[in-house]
Amino acid sequence: MNQTNVCHVGPLAIGSGELAVIAGPCVAESLDLCMNVAEHMAGVCEKLGIAYVFKASYDKANRSAGTSYRGPGLKTGLDWLQTIKNKLSLPVLSDVHEVAQVAPASEVLDCLQIPAFLCRQTDLLVEAGKAGKPVNIKKGQFMAPWDMKTAVDKVKSTGNEQVILTDRGTSFGYNRLITDFRAIPIMQQYAPVVFDATHSIQEPAGQGNASGGQVEFVPTLAGAAMAAGADALFIETHPDPANAKSDAACMVPLAEMEGLLRRCLAIFRAARS
């Protein structure tokens, strides 16, 4: 592994040799749900000695169907994230989809996330870089890992060196993703690398008007990513995934997160011993 730098998200240092976890519900359904997940995950991560970033999307612009729930919107969603940040003293992360969202989002978020389908959008990457906050660029399902260097370079062209990359699988025919774990050490040449264990098992639009998923394989892929040297995990979780308003087939039940992270931490440490 050729680790080029460390990315600081709030008090966390991703790429420093300590495991970090970005986790939360796919979409912010309510403030109560977000608080429930954030409190539970903060307790689990504190017990295990894992750095934690809370994640929830205020707007899911990329949905299979136009009638699907997208979230509370920019203003309300950022208000909820600010509340979680203040009450629980947690760094928070969410997606930005348009250049106009970057300024208001950067007033609240500790890390701006670029969705996978937008990882080539130059104006969005540059504006995110100019905000001066860490930027998490999700690798497009259509992108080779070595091609993510140009996305990193767009952000760093603004003078912002705080970048992380997230692998979330690669398109393999229709409605199917596969994971090439070579992507982790390859992309670590450009930035610390996060592995998205829940979107990597997604079946994009695999149910016609919604995405499917094979959540039973999350532990397998998450463990493999730890063995491959990933710096952090991205996992979407929900207390009742079957009734979630987005990615119901992909999210890990909240009650199972401690056991999953305990196993992943053991592999993470073994891979570095």
C-alpha atoms as a PDB file:
ATOM      1  CA  MET A   1       0.000   0.000   0.000  1.00  0.00           C
ATOM      2  CA  ASN A   2       1.247   3.465  -0.852  1.00  0.00           C
ATOM      3  CA  GLN A   3      -0.719   5.718   1.486  1.00  0.00           C
ATOM      4  CA  THR A   4      -0.333   9.286   0.292  1.00  0.00           C
ATOM      5  CA  ASN A   5      -2.099  11.284   2.997  1.00  0.00           C
ATOM      6  CA  VAL A   6      -4.521  11.398   5.891  1.00  0.00           C
ATOM      7  CA  CYS A   7      -7.941  13.055   5.699  1.00  0.00           C
ATOM      8  CA  HIS A   8      -9.206  14.856   8.803  1.00  0.00           C
ATOM      9  CA  VAL A   9     -12.989  14.764   9.298  1.00  0.00           C
ATOM     10  CA  GLY A  10     -13.720  16.734  12.424  1.00  0.00           C
ATOM     11  CA  PRO A  11     -11.475  15.184  15.116  1.00  0.00           C
ATOM     12  CA  LEU A  12     -11.063  11.951  13.095  1.00  0.00           C
ATOM     13  CA  ALA A  13      -8.064  11.072  10.952  1.00  0.00           C
ATOM     14  CA  ILE A  14      -9.002   8.676   8.146  1.00  0.00           C
ATOM     15  CA  GLY A  15      -5.931   6.916   6.820  1.00  0.00           C
ATOM     16  CA  SER A  16      -4.011   7.202  10.088  1.00  0.00           C
ATOM     17  CA  GLY A  17      -3.960   3.458  10.735  1.00  0.00           C
ATOM     18  CA  GLU A  18      -7.028   3.430  13.004  1.00  0.00           C
ATOM     19  CA  LEU A  19     -10.384   2.139  11.742  1.00  0.00           C
ATOM     20  CA  ALA A  20     -13.109   4.686  11.049  1.00  0.00           C
ATOM     21  CA  VAL A  21     -16.774   4.032  10.262  1.00  0.00           C
ATOM     22  CA  ILE A  22     -19.214   6.210   8.329  1.00  0.00           C
ATOM     23  CA  ALA A  23     -22.701   4.943   9.113  1.00  0.00           C
ATOM     24  CA  GLY A  24     -26.346   5.938   9.304  1.00  0.00           C
ATOM     25  CA  PRO A  25     -29.648   5.512   7.468  1.00  0.00           C
ATOM     26  CA  CYS A  26     -29.705   5.840   3.691  1.00  0.00           C
ATOM     27  CA  VAL A  27     -32.063   8.805   3.875  1.00  0.00           C
ATOM     28  CA  ALA A  28     -33.029  11.066   6.755  1.00  0.00           C
ATOM     29  CA  GLU A  29     -36.593   9.908   7.388  1.00  0.00           C
ATOM     30  CA  SER A  30     -37.080  11.867  10.625  1.00  0.00           C
ATOM     31  CA  LEU A  31     -35.000  13.581  13.276  1.00  0.00           C
ATOM     32  CA  ASP A  32     -35.999  10.880  15.791  1.00  0.00           C
ATOM     33  CA  LEU A  33     -34.761   8.095  13.503  1.00  0.00           C
ATOM     34  CA  CYS A  34     -31.483   9.874  12.851  1.00  0.00           C
ATOM     35  CA  MET A  35     -30.933  10.499  16.563  1.00  0.00           C
ATOM     36  CA  ASN A  36     -31.723   6.870  17.387  1.00  0.00           C
ATOM     37  CA  VAL A  37     -29.223   5.546  14.860  1.00  0.00           C
ATOM     38  CA  ALA A  38     -26.555   8.129  15.719  1.00  0.00           C
ATOM     39  CA  GLU A  39     -26.789   7.469  19.467  1.00  0.00           C
ATOM     40  CA  HIS A  40     -26.659   3.705  19.024  1.00  0.00           C
ATOM     41  CA  MET A  41     -23.738   3.827  16.606  1.00  0.00           C
ATOM     42  CA  ALA A  42     -21.820   6.325  18.748  1.00  0.00           C
ATOM     43  CA  GLY A  43     -22.142   3.960  21.717  1.00  0.00           C
ATOM     44  CA  VAL A  44     -21.047   0.922  19.707  1.00  0.00           C
ATOM     45  CA  CYS A  45     -18.054   2.704  18.203  1.00  0.00           C
ATOM     46  CA  GLU A  46     -16.989   4.147  21.550  1.00  0.00           C
ATOM     47  CA  LYS A  47     -17.115   0.644  23.072  1.00  0.00           C
ATOM     48  CA  LEU A  48     -15.000  -0.779  20.237  1.00  0.00           C
ATOM     49  CA  GLY A  49     -12.602   2.154  19.968  1.00  0.00           C
ATOM     50  CA  ILE A  50     -13.635   3.009  16.406  1.00  0.00           C
ATOM     51  CA  ALA A  51     -13.843   6.558  15.065  1.00  0.00           C
ATOM     52  CA  TYR A  52     -17.389   7.374  13.949  1.00  0.00           C
ATOM     53  CA  VAL A  53     -18.976   9.745  11.403  1.00  0.00           C
ATOM     54  CA  PHE A  54     -22.785   9.963  11.178  1.00  0.00           C
ATOM     55  CA  LYS A  55     -24.238   9.844   7.661  1.00  0.00           C
ATOM     56  CA  ALA A  56     -27.743  10.507   6.355  1.00  0.00           C
ATOM     57  CA  SER A  57     -28.917  12.000   3.056  1.00  0.00           C
ATOM     58  CA  TYR A  58     -31.206  15.037   3.172  1.00  0.00           C
ATOM     59  CA  ASP A  59     -32.056  14.448  -0.486  1.00  0.00           C
ATOM     60  CA  LYS A  60     -31.741  11.238  -2.502  1.00  0.00           C
ATOM     61  CA  ALA A  61     -31.719  12.747  -5.963  1.00  0.00           C
ATOM     62  CA  ASN A  62     -30.903   9.419  -7.608  1.00  0.00           C
ATOM     63  CA  ARG A  63     -33.972   7.221  -7.084  1.00  0.00           C
ATOM     64  CA  SER A  64     -35.254   4.453  -9.348  1.00  0.00           C
ATOM     65  CA  ALA A  65     -38.770   5.925  -9.467  1.00  0.00           C
ATOM     66  CA  GLY A  66     -39.820   9.559  -9.532  1.00  0.00           C
ATOM     67  CA  THR A  67     -42.393   8.866  -6.823  1.00  0.00           C
ATOM     68  CA  SER A  68     -39.846   7.462  -4.339  1.00  0.00           C
ATOM     69  CA  TYR A  69     -39.208   9.323  -1.085  1.00  0.00           C
ATOM     70  CA  ARG A  70     -36.232  11.635  -1.445  1.00  0.00           C
ATOM     71  CA  GLY A  71     -35.828  13.032   2.049  1.00  0.00           C
ATOM     72  CA  PRO A  72     -36.716  16.177   3.999  1.00  0.00           C
ATOM     73  CA  GLY A  73     -34.837  18.490   1.640  1.00  0.00           C
ATOM     74  CA  LEU A  74     -31.796  20.706   2.045  1.00  0.00           C
ATOM     75  CA  LYS A  75     -32.896  23.122   4.790  1.00  0.00           C
ATOM     76  CA  THR A  76     -34.720  20.687   7.073  1.00  0.00           C
ATOM     77  CA  GLY A  77     -32.169  17.939   6.514  1.00  0.00           C
ATOM     78  CA  LEU A  78     -29.267  20.223   7.395  1.00  0.00           C
ATOM     79  CA  ASP A  79     -31.149  21.393  10.496  1.00  0.00           C
ATOM     80  CA  TRP A  80     -31.468  17.751  11.617  1.00  0.00           C
ATOM     81  CA  LEU A  81     -27.795  17.090  10.952  1.00  0.00           C
ATOM     82  CA  GLN A  82     -26.830  20.221  12.887  1.00  0.00           C
ATOM     83  CA  THR A  83     -28.929  19.011  15.828  1.00  0.00           C
ATOM     84  CA  ILE A  84     -27.188  15.619  15.822  1.00  0.00           C
ATOM     85  CA  LYS A  85     -23.804  17.283  15.531  1.00  0.00           C
ATOM     86  CA  ASN A  86     -24.517  19.600  18.467  1.00  0.00           C
ATOM     87  CA  LYS A  87     -26.237  17.129  20.797  1.00  0.00           C
ATOM     88  CA  LEU A  88     -23.958  14.154  20.245  1.00  0.00           C
ATOM     89  CA  SER A  89     -20.683  15.915  19.345  1.00  0.00           C
ATOM     90  CA  LEU A  90     -20.373  13.823  16.186  1.00  0.00           C
ATOM     91  CA  PRO A  91     -18.963  14.762  12.795  1.00  0.00           C
ATOM     92  CA  VAL A  92     -21.662  14.538  10.111  1.00  0.00           C
ATOM     93  CA  LEU A  93     -21.603  13.737   6.399  1.00  0.00           C
ATOM     94  CA  SER A  94     -24.140  13.991   3.581  1.00  0.00           C
ATOM     95  CA  ASP A  95     -24.320  14.230  -0.219  1.00  0.00           C
ATOM     96  CA  VAL A  96     -24.225  17.353  -2.333  1.00  0.00           C
ATOM     97  CA  HIS A  97     -25.784  16.983  -5.765  1.00  0.00           C
ATOM     98  CA  GLU A  98     -25.532  20.491  -7.192  1.00  0.00           C
ATOM     99  CA  VAL A  99     -23.076  23.372  -7.039  1.00  0.00           C
ATOM    100  CA  ALA A 100     -25.706  25.523  -5.285  1.00  0.00           C
ATOM    101  CA  GLN A 101     -25.936  23.035  -2.394  1.00  0.00           C
ATOM    102  CA  VAL A 102     -22.246  23.225  -1.506  1.00  0.00           C
ATOM    103  CA  ALA A 103     -22.233  26.569   0.345  1.00  0.00           C
ATOM    104  CA  PRO A 104     -25.165  25.888   2.700  1.00  0.00           C
ATOM    105  CA  ALA A 105     -24.129  22.268   3.214  1.00  0.00           C
ATOM    106  CA  SER A 106     -20.566  23.229   4.103  1.00  0.00           C
ATOM    107  CA  GLU A 107     -21.859  25.414   6.951  1.00  0.00           C
ATOM    108  CA  VAL A 108     -23.085  22.248   8.708  1.00  0.00           C
ATOM    109  CA  LEU A 109     -21.320  19.188   7.287  1.00  0.00           C
ATOM    110  CA  ASP A 110     -17.876  18.073   8.389  1.00  0.00           C
ATOM    111  CA  CYS A 111     -17.447  16.209   5.096  1.00  0.00           C
ATOM    112  CA  LEU A 112     -19.081  16.804   1.714  1.00  0.00           C
ATOM    113  CA  GLN A 113     -19.883  13.628  -0.203  1.00  0.00           C
ATOM    114  CA  ILE A 114     -19.937  13.462  -3.997  1.00  0.00           C
ATOM    115  CA  PRO A 115     -22.371  10.742  -5.161  1.00  0.00           C
ATOM    116  CA  ALA A 116     -20.972   8.015  -7.393  1.00  0.00           C
ATOM    117  CA  PHE A 117     -22.914   9.083 -10.478  1.00  0.00           C
ATOM    118  CA  LEU A 118     -21.500  12.621 -10.123  1.00  0.00           C
ATOM    119  CA  CYS A 119     -17.837  11.760  -9.578  1.00  0.00           C
ATOM    120  CA  ARG A 120     -16.864  13.199 -12.983  1.00  0.00           C
ATOM    121  CA  GLN A 121     -18.792  16.483 -12.548  1.00  0.00           C
ATOM    122  CA  THR A 122     -15.962  19.013 -12.633  1.00  0.00           C
ATOM    123  CA  ASP A 123     -17.930  22.042 -11.413  1.00  0.00           C
ATOM    124  CA  LEU A 124     -19.293  20.121  -8.412  1.00  0.00           C
ATOM    125  CA  LEU A 125     -15.903  18.693  -7.445  1.00  0.00           C
ATOM    126  CA  VAL A 126     -14.189  22.064  -7.723  1.00  0.00           C
ATOM    127  CA  GLU A 127     -16.894  23.885  -5.761  1.00  0.00           C
ATOM    128  CA  ALA A 128     -16.727  21.234  -3.045  1.00  0.00           C
ATOM    129  CA  GLY A 129     -12.967  21.665  -2.916  1.00  0.00           C
ATOM    130  CA  LYS A 130     -13.285  25.437  -2.612  1.00  0.00           C
ATOM    131  CA  ALA A 131     -15.520  25.025   0.441  1.00  0.00           C
ATOM    132  CA  GLY A 132     -12.444  23.904   2.360  1.00  0.00           C
ATOM    133  CA  LYS A 133     -14.164  20.908   3.949  1.00  0.00           C
ATOM    134  CA  PRO A 134     -13.044  17.295   3.479  1.00  0.00           C
ATOM    135  CA  VAL A 135     -14.548  15.766   0.341  1.00  0.00           C
ATOM    136  CA  ASN A 136     -15.555  12.114   0.043  1.00  0.00           C
ATOM    137  CA  ILE A 137     -15.759  11.124  -3.620  1.00  0.00           C
ATOM    138  CA  LYS A 138     -17.634   7.893  -4.260  1.00  0.00           C
ATOM    139  CA  LYS A 139     -16.181   5.940  -7.170  1.00  0.00           C
ATOM    140  CA  GLY A 140     -18.664   5.690 -10.004  1.00  0.00           C
ATOM    141  CA  GLN A 141     -19.822   2.170 -10.819  1.00  0.00           C
ATOM    142  CA  PHE A 142     -18.592   2.894 -14.344  1.00  0.00           C
ATOM    143  CA  MET A 143     -15.109   4.076 -13.310  1.00  0.00           C
ATOM    144  CA  ALA A 144     -11.808   2.205 -13.204  1.00  0.00           C
ATOM    145  CA  PRO A 145     -10.004   2.748  -9.881  1.00  0.00           C
ATOM    146  CA  TRP A 146      -7.007   4.416 -11.536  1.00  0.00           C
ATOM    147  CA  ASP A 147      -9.324   6.910 -13.253  1.00  0.00           C
ATOM    148  CA  MET A 148     -10.342   8.305  -9.852  1.00  0.00           C
ATOM    149  CA  LYS A 149      -7.030  10.159  -9.716  1.00  0.00           C
ATOM    150  CA  THR A 150      -8.467  12.856 -11.960  1.00  0.00           C
ATOM    151  CA  ALA A 151     -11.434  13.330  -9.612  1.00  0.00           C
ATOM    152  CA  VAL A 152      -9.044  13.763  -6.685  1.00  0.00           C
ATOM    153  CA  ASP A 153      -6.932  16.160  -8.738  1.00  0.00           C
ATOM    154  CA  LYS A 154      -9.994  18.356  -9.450  1.00  0.00           C
ATOM    155  CA  VAL A 155     -10.629  18.815  -5.732  1.00  0.00           C
ATOM    156  CA  LYS A 156      -6.953  19.319  -4.921  1.00  0.00           C
ATOM    157  CA  SER A 157      -6.627  21.926  -7.693  1.00  0.00           C
ATOM    158  CA  THR A 158      -8.426  24.290  -5.287  1.00  0.00           C
ATOM    159  CA  GLY A 159      -5.712  23.844  -2.660  1.00  0.00           C
ATOM    160  CA  ASN A 160      -7.882  21.489  -0.605  1.00  0.00           C
ATOM    161  CA  GLU A 161      -5.854  18.357   0.182  1.00  0.00           C
ATOM    162  CA  GLN A 162      -8.542  16.765   2.371  1.00  0.00           C
ATOM    163  CA  VAL A 163      -9.979  14.069   0.092  1.00  0.00           C
ATOM    164  CA  ILE A 164     -11.105  10.490   0.579  1.00  0.00           C
ATOM    165  CA  LEU A 165     -12.314   7.972  -2.013  1.00  0.00           C
ATOM    166  CA  THR A 166     -15.072   5.414  -1.492  1.00  0.00           C
ATOM    167  CA  ASP A 167     -15.409   2.213  -3.497  1.00  0.00           C
ATOM    168  CA  ARG A 168     -18.997   1.025  -3.938  1.00  0.00           C
ATOM    169  CA  GLY A 169     -18.665  -1.721  -6.515  1.00  0.00           C
ATOM    170  CA  THR A 170     -18.471  -1.826 -10.292  1.00  0.00           C
ATOM    171  CA  SER A 171     -21.242  -2.441 -12.816  1.00  0.00           C
ATOM    172  CA  PHE A 172     -21.337  -6.005 -14.109  1.00  0.00           C
ATOM    173  CA  GLY A 173     -24.054  -6.323 -16.716  1.00  0.00           C
ATOM    174  CA  TYR A 174     -27.577  -5.256 -15.797  1.00  0.00           C
ATOM    175  CA  ASN A 175     -28.715  -4.698 -12.163  1.00  0.00           C
ATOM    176  CA  ARG A 176     -25.528  -6.185 -10.758  1.00  0.00           C
ATOM    177  CA  LEU A 177     -22.385  -4.925  -9.055  1.00  0.00           C
ATOM    178  CA  ILE A 178     -19.147  -6.731  -8.280  1.00  0.00           C
ATOM    179  CA  THR A 179     -16.227  -5.675  -6.094  1.00  0.00           C
ATOM    180  CA  ASP A 180     -12.635  -5.724  -7.280  1.00  0.00           C
ATOM    181  CA  PHE A 181     -10.576  -5.425  -4.107  1.00  0.00           C
ATOM    182  CA  ARG A 182      -7.518  -4.376  -6.108  1.00  0.00           C
ATOM    183  CA  ALA A 183      -9.254  -0.991  -6.231  1.00  0.00           C
ATOM    184  CA  ILE A 184      -8.404  -0.345  -2.584  1.00  0.00           C
ATOM    185  CA  PRO A 185      -4.581  -0.311  -2.825  1.00  0.00           C
ATOM    186  CA  ILE A 186      -4.762   1.278  -6.274  1.00  0.00           C
ATOM    187  CA  MET A 187      -6.848   4.235  -5.078  1.00  0.00           C
ATOM    188  CA  GLN A 188      -4.787   4.584  -1.889  1.00  0.00           C
ATOM    189  CA  GLN A 189      -2.099   6.021  -4.130  1.00  0.00           C
ATOM    190  CA  TYR A 190      -4.354   9.093  -4.450  1.00  0.00           C
ATOM    191  CA  ALA A 191      -6.243   9.311  -1.124  1.00  0.00           C
ATOM    192  CA  PRO A 192      -7.378   7.261   1.870  1.00  0.00           C
ATOM    193  CA  VAL A 193      -9.984   4.695   0.805  1.00  0.00           C
ATOM    194  CA  VAL A 194     -13.344   3.863   2.347  1.00  0.00           C
ATOM    195  CA  PHE A 195     -15.246   0.710   1.411  1.00  0.00           C
ATOM    196  CA  ASP A 196     -19.017   1.006   1.036  1.00  0.00           C
ATOM    197  CA  ALA A 197     -20.216  -2.411   2.167  1.00  0.00           C
ATOM    198  CA  THR A 198     -23.939  -1.823   1.686  1.00  0.00           C
ATOM    199  CA  HIS A 199     -24.108  -0.188  -1.742  1.00  0.00           C
ATOM    200  CA  SER A 200     -21.653  -2.782  -3.037  1.00  0.00           C
ATOM    201  CA  ILE A 201     -24.294  -5.490  -2.553  1.00  0.00           C
ATOM    202  CA  GLN A 202     -27.009  -3.360  -4.144  1.00  0.00           C
ATOM    203  CA  GLU A 203     -28.895  -4.482  -7.258  1.00  0.00           C
ATOM    204  CA  PRO A 204     -29.435  -1.080  -8.898  1.00  0.00           C
ATOM    205  CA  ALA A 205     -33.072  -0.720 -10.009  1.00  0.00           C
ATOM    206  CA  GLY A 206     -33.195  -4.516  -9.697  1.00  0.00           C
ATOM    207  CA  GLN A 207     -36.829  -4.487  -8.550  1.00  0.00           C
ATOM    208  CA  GLY A 208     -38.080  -2.330 -11.406  1.00  0.00           C
ATOM    209  CA  ASN A 209     -39.162   0.730  -9.439  1.00  0.00           C
ATOM    210  CA  ALA A 210     -36.642   0.212  -6.623  1.00  0.00           C
ATOM    211  CA  SER A 211     -33.177  -1.217  -6.044  1.00  0.00           C
ATOM    212  CA  GLY A 212     -32.721  -4.669  -4.593  1.00  0.00           C
ATOM    213  CA  GLY A 213     -29.778  -6.030  -2.686  1.00  0.00           C
ATOM    214  CA  GLN A 214     -28.120  -9.052  -1.102  1.00  0.00           C
ATOM    215  CA  VAL A 215     -27.560  -7.776   2.411  1.00  0.00           C
ATOM    216  CA  GLU A 216     -26.462 -11.206   3.622  1.00  0.00           C
ATOM    217  CA  PHE A 217     -23.143 -10.620   1.835  1.00  0.00           C
ATOM    218  CA  VAL A 218     -22.303  -7.368   3.648  1.00  0.00           C
ATOM    219  CA  PRO A 219     -20.177  -9.140   6.314  1.00  0.00           C
ATOM    220  CA  THR A 220     -18.252 -11.026   3.622  1.00  0.00           C
ATOM    221  CA  LEU A 221     -17.399  -7.932   1.589  1.00  0.00           C
ATOM    222  CA  ALA A 222     -16.744  -5.749   4.624  1.00  0.00           C
ATOM    223  CA  GLY A 223     -14.316  -8.319   6.033  1.00  0.00           C
ATOM    224  CA  ALA A 224     -12.580  -8.706   2.685  1.00  0.00           C
ATOM    225  CA  ALA A 225     -12.165  -4.935   2.437  1.00  0.00           C
ATOM    226  CA  MET A 226     -10.533  -4.876   5.858  1.00  0.00           C
ATOM    227  CA  ALA A 227      -8.137  -7.614   4.754  1.00  0.00           C
ATOM    228  CA  ALA A 228      -7.388  -5.645   1.572  1.00  0.00           C
ATOM    229  CA  GLY A 229      -6.318  -2.638   3.636  1.00  0.00           C
ATOM    230  CA  ALA A 230      -9.277  -0.235   3.454  1.00  0.00           C
ATOM    231  CA  ASP A 231      -8.935   2.727   5.827  1.00  0.00           C
ATOM    232  CA  ALA A 232     -12.606   2.963   6.746  1.00  0.00           C
ATOM    233  CA  LEU A 233     -16.030   1.400   6.268  1.00  0.00           C
ATOM    234  CA  PHE A 234     -19.217   2.996   4.978  1.00  0.00           C
ATOM    235  CA  ILE A 235     -22.306   1.089   6.112  1.00  0.00           C
ATOM    236  CA  GLU A 236     -25.934   2.148   5.921  1.00  0.00           C
ATOM    237  CA  THR A 237     -28.021   0.899   8.844  1.00  0.00           C
ATOM    238  CA  HIS A 238     -31.598   1.180  10.062  1.00  0.00           C
ATOM    239  CA  PRO A 239     -33.533  -0.175  13.061  1.00  0.00           C
ATOM    240  CA  ASP A 240     -36.137  -1.690  10.716  1.00  0.00           C
ATOM    241  CA  PRO A 241     -34.692  -2.003   7.198  1.00  0.00           C
ATOM    242  CA  ALA A 242     -37.760  -3.740   5.761  1.00  0.00           C
ATOM    243  CA  ASN A 243     -39.782  -0.578   6.360  1.00  0.00           C
ATOM    244  CA  ALA A 244     -37.089   1.925   5.408  1.00  0.00           C
ATOM    245  CA  LYS A 245     -37.980   4.552   2.805  1.00  0.00           C
ATOM    246  CA  SER A 246     -34.811   3.990   0.756  1.00  0.00           C
ATOM    247  CA  ASP A 247     -32.480   1.020   0.144  1.00  0.00           C
ATOM    248  CA  ALA A 248     -34.594  -1.289   2.296  1.00  0.00           C
ATOM    249  CA  ALA A 249     -32.935  -4.352   0.752  1.00  0.00           C
ATOM    250  CA  CYS A 250     -29.401  -3.146   1.444  1.00  0.00           C
ATOM    251  CA  MET A 251     -29.232  -1.724   4.957  1.00  0.00           C
ATOM    252  CA  VAL A 252     -27.869  -3.695   7.914  1.00  0.00           C
ATOM    253  CA  PRO A 253     -30.223  -3.958  10.913  1.00  0.00           C
ATOM    254  CA  LEU A 254     -28.999  -1.590  13.602  1.00  0.00           C
ATOM    255  CA  ALA A 255     -28.990  -4.367  16.204  1.00  0.00           C
ATOM    256  CA  GLU A 256     -26.439  -6.319  14.132  1.00  0.00           C
ATOM    257  CA  MET A 257     -23.917  -3.507  13.745  1.00  0.00           C
ATOM    258  CA  GLU A 258     -21.881  -4.202  16.899  1.00  0.00           C
ATOM    259  CA  GLY A 259     -21.209  -7.804  15.945  1.00  0.00           C
ATOM    260  CA  LEU A 260     -20.353  -6.842  12.368  1.00  0.00           C
ATOM    261  CA  LEU A 261     -17.962  -4.080  13.421  1.00  0.00           C
ATOM    262  CA  ARG A 262     -16.334  -6.235  16.074  1.00  0.00           C
ATOM    263  CA  ARG A 263     -15.493  -8.822  13.400  1.00  0.00           C
ATOM    264  CA  CYS A 264     -14.296  -6.170  10.930  1.00  0.00           C
ATOM    265  CA  LEU A 265     -12.077  -4.531  13.561  1.00  0.00           C
ATOM    266  CA  ALA A 266     -10.391  -7.863  14.286  1.00  0.00           C
ATOM    267  CA  ILE A 267      -9.639  -8.346  10.580  1.00  0.00           C
ATOM    268  CA  PHE A 268      -8.493  -4.723  10.226  1.00  0.00           C
ATOM    269  CA  ARG A 269      -5.998  -5.166  13.056  1.00  0.00           C
ATOM    270  CA  ALA A 270      -4.816  -8.581  11.875  1.00  0.00           C
ATOM    271  CA  ALA A 271      -4.132  -7.197   8.389  1.00  0.00           C
ATOM    272  CA  ARG A 272      -1.854  -4.544   9.905  1.00  0.00           C
ATOM    273  CA  SER A 273      -0.031  -6.726  12.448  1.00  0.00           C
END
